[in-house]
N, C-alpha and C. Protein backbone atom coordinates (compact mmCIF):
# COMPACT_ATOMS: atom_id res chain seq x y z
N MET A 1 110.16 78.36 104.80
CA MET A 1 108.86 77.75 105.08
C MET A 1 108.10 78.66 106.06
N PRO A 2 106.89 79.09 105.71
CA PRO A 2 106.13 79.95 106.62
C PRO A 2 105.68 79.19 107.87
N GLU A 3 105.54 79.94 108.95
CA GLU A 3 105.06 79.33 110.19
C GLU A 3 103.58 79.01 110.09
N THR A 4 103.18 77.95 110.77
CA THR A 4 101.78 77.57 110.82
C THR A 4 101.01 78.54 111.71
N PRO A 5 99.93 79.14 111.20
CA PRO A 5 99.13 80.03 112.03
C PRO A 5 98.37 79.25 113.11
N ILE A 6 98.03 79.93 114.18
CA ILE A 6 97.29 79.34 115.30
C ILE A 6 95.88 79.94 115.29
N THR A 7 94.87 79.07 115.36
CA THR A 7 93.48 79.51 115.32
C THR A 7 92.83 79.35 116.69
N PHE A 8 92.22 80.41 117.16
CA PHE A 8 91.45 80.40 118.41
C PHE A 8 89.98 80.61 118.06
N GLU A 9 89.12 79.80 118.63
CA GLU A 9 87.67 79.92 118.42
C GLU A 9 87.03 80.55 119.67
N GLY A 10 85.91 81.20 119.49
CA GLY A 10 85.17 81.78 120.62
C GLY A 10 85.85 82.97 121.25
N VAL A 11 86.65 83.69 120.48
CA VAL A 11 87.33 84.89 120.97
C VAL A 11 86.35 86.05 120.96
N GLU A 12 86.35 86.84 122.03
CA GLU A 12 85.45 87.99 122.14
C GLU A 12 86.23 89.28 121.97
N VAL A 13 85.74 90.17 121.13
CA VAL A 13 86.34 91.50 120.99
C VAL A 13 85.72 92.40 122.05
N LEU A 14 86.56 92.90 122.97
CA LEU A 14 86.07 93.75 124.06
C LEU A 14 85.99 95.21 123.63
N THR A 15 87.04 95.71 123.00
CA THR A 15 87.06 97.08 122.49
C THR A 15 87.81 97.09 121.17
N ARG A 16 87.58 98.14 120.39
CA ARG A 16 88.23 98.28 119.09
C ARG A 16 88.64 99.74 118.89
N THR A 17 89.87 99.96 118.42
CA THR A 17 90.34 101.30 118.06
C THR A 17 90.96 101.21 116.67
N ASP A 18 91.47 102.34 116.19
CA ASP A 18 92.14 102.34 114.89
C ASP A 18 93.44 101.54 114.94
N LEU A 19 94.01 101.34 116.13
CA LEU A 19 95.28 100.62 116.26
C LEU A 19 95.11 99.11 116.41
N GLY A 20 93.92 98.66 116.80
CA GLY A 20 93.69 97.23 116.97
C GLY A 20 92.51 96.95 117.86
N MET A 21 92.51 95.76 118.45
CA MET A 21 91.37 95.37 119.29
C MET A 21 91.86 94.66 120.54
N SER A 22 91.12 94.88 121.62
CA SER A 22 91.35 94.18 122.86
C SER A 22 90.42 92.98 122.87
N CYS A 23 91.01 91.79 123.06
CA CYS A 23 90.24 90.55 122.95
C CYS A 23 90.34 89.73 124.23
N ARG A 24 89.33 88.90 124.45
CA ARG A 24 89.39 87.90 125.50
C ARG A 24 89.63 86.56 124.82
N ILE A 25 90.81 85.98 125.11
CA ILE A 25 91.21 84.70 124.52
C ILE A 25 91.48 83.74 125.66
N ASP A 26 90.66 82.71 125.79
CA ASP A 26 90.82 81.71 126.86
C ASP A 26 90.98 82.36 128.23
N GLY A 27 90.17 83.38 128.51
CA GLY A 27 90.19 84.03 129.81
C GLY A 27 91.25 85.10 129.98
N HIS A 28 92.08 85.33 128.98
CA HIS A 28 93.12 86.35 129.03
C HIS A 28 92.72 87.54 128.17
N ARG A 29 92.97 88.74 128.70
CA ARG A 29 92.71 89.95 127.91
C ARG A 29 94.01 90.32 127.20
N LEU A 30 93.93 90.55 125.89
CA LEU A 30 95.12 90.79 125.09
C LEU A 30 94.82 91.79 123.99
N PHE A 31 95.74 92.74 123.79
CA PHE A 31 95.59 93.69 122.69
C PHE A 31 96.23 93.09 121.44
N VAL A 32 95.50 93.07 120.34
CA VAL A 32 95.98 92.54 119.07
C VAL A 32 95.99 93.69 118.07
N GLY A 33 97.18 94.06 117.63
CA GLY A 33 97.32 95.16 116.67
C GLY A 33 96.60 94.87 115.37
N VAL A 34 96.23 95.92 114.67
CA VAL A 34 95.43 95.81 113.45
C VAL A 34 96.10 94.95 112.37
N ALA A 35 97.43 94.91 112.33
CA ALA A 35 98.14 94.16 111.30
C ALA A 35 98.43 92.71 111.68
N VAL A 36 98.06 92.30 112.88
CA VAL A 36 98.43 90.96 113.37
C VAL A 36 97.48 89.85 112.92
N PRO A 37 96.16 89.99 112.98
CA PRO A 37 95.27 88.89 112.59
C PRO A 37 95.50 88.45 111.14
N LEU A 38 95.44 87.15 110.93
CA LEU A 38 95.68 86.58 109.61
C LEU A 38 94.37 86.20 108.92
N ALA A 39 94.47 85.84 107.66
CA ALA A 39 93.30 85.39 106.88
C ALA A 39 92.59 84.27 107.62
N GLY A 40 91.28 84.33 107.62
CA GLY A 40 90.47 83.34 108.32
C GLY A 40 89.86 83.90 109.60
N THR A 41 90.35 85.06 110.04
CA THR A 41 89.80 85.73 111.22
C THR A 41 88.40 86.24 110.88
N THR A 42 87.45 85.99 111.79
CA THR A 42 86.06 86.38 111.53
C THR A 42 85.58 87.52 112.42
N ILE A 43 86.42 87.99 113.35
CA ILE A 43 86.02 89.07 114.26
C ILE A 43 86.75 90.35 113.91
N ARG A 44 86.08 91.46 114.06
CA ARG A 44 86.67 92.76 113.75
C ARG A 44 86.20 93.88 114.69
N PHE A 45 84.99 93.77 115.22
CA PHE A 45 84.39 94.88 115.95
C PHE A 45 84.01 94.51 117.38
N ALA A 46 83.94 95.51 118.26
CA ALA A 46 83.56 95.30 119.66
C ALA A 46 82.23 94.56 119.75
N GLY A 47 82.18 93.58 120.62
CA GLY A 47 80.97 92.80 120.83
C GLY A 47 80.89 91.53 120.01
N GLU A 48 81.75 91.41 119.01
CA GLU A 48 81.73 90.19 118.20
C GLU A 48 82.46 89.06 118.90
N ARG A 49 82.07 87.85 118.55
CA ARG A 49 82.71 86.64 119.07
C ARG A 49 82.90 85.70 117.89
N GLY A 50 84.11 85.13 117.79
CA GLY A 50 84.36 84.24 116.67
C GLY A 50 85.80 83.76 116.61
N ARG A 51 86.27 83.59 115.39
CA ARG A 51 87.61 83.00 115.14
C ARG A 51 88.66 84.10 115.00
N LEU A 52 89.81 83.85 115.65
CA LEU A 52 90.96 84.74 115.55
C LEU A 52 92.16 83.89 115.15
N VAL A 53 92.74 84.22 114.00
CA VAL A 53 93.90 83.48 113.49
C VAL A 53 95.12 84.37 113.68
N LEU A 54 96.12 83.82 114.40
CA LEU A 54 97.31 84.60 114.75
C LEU A 54 98.58 83.90 114.29
N PRO A 55 99.64 84.68 114.03
CA PRO A 55 100.92 84.07 113.73
C PRO A 55 101.48 83.35 114.97
N ARG A 56 102.15 82.24 114.76
CA ARG A 56 102.71 81.46 115.87
C ARG A 56 103.62 82.33 116.75
N TRP A 57 104.42 83.21 116.14
CA TRP A 57 105.34 84.03 116.94
C TRP A 57 104.57 84.91 117.92
N PHE A 58 103.40 85.43 117.52
CA PHE A 58 102.60 86.29 118.38
C PHE A 58 102.05 85.49 119.56
N VAL A 59 101.57 84.30 119.29
CA VAL A 59 101.03 83.42 120.33
C VAL A 59 102.12 83.10 121.36
N GLN A 60 103.30 82.75 120.88
CA GLN A 60 104.40 82.40 121.78
C GLN A 60 104.89 83.61 122.56
N GLU A 61 105.00 84.75 121.89
CA GLU A 61 105.48 85.97 122.54
C GLU A 61 104.58 86.43 123.68
N HIS A 62 103.28 86.16 123.57
CA HIS A 62 102.32 86.59 124.58
C HIS A 62 101.95 85.48 125.56
N GLY A 63 102.62 84.33 125.46
CA GLY A 63 102.42 83.26 126.43
C GLY A 63 101.06 82.59 126.36
N LEU A 64 100.42 82.64 125.19
CA LEU A 64 99.13 81.98 125.03
C LEU A 64 99.36 80.49 124.83
N THR A 65 98.42 79.70 125.25
CA THR A 65 98.47 78.26 125.03
C THR A 65 97.77 77.96 123.71
N SER A 66 98.46 77.28 122.83
CA SER A 66 97.85 76.90 121.55
C SER A 66 96.69 75.96 121.81
N PRO A 67 95.55 76.19 121.15
CA PRO A 67 94.40 75.30 121.33
C PRO A 67 94.71 73.89 120.83
N ALA A 68 94.08 72.91 121.45
CA ALA A 68 94.26 71.52 121.02
C ALA A 68 93.70 71.35 119.62
N ARG A 69 94.35 70.55 118.84
CA ARG A 69 93.90 70.32 117.46
C ARG A 69 93.10 69.05 117.39
């Protein structure tokens, strides 16, 4: 059974490189590798703000708090 993805809204992309993007998620700055975001993610480039969908393991590994549903 696949893990349920975690969706964060209002995420800001601070910088973007070929390897991934540095994002502000709930006041935390975090680097998200290019292969990590899942389908449904609406942000890709520096300066954008929107939805970031991440695998549950990534959220837990980085100590992020899952948004309330």
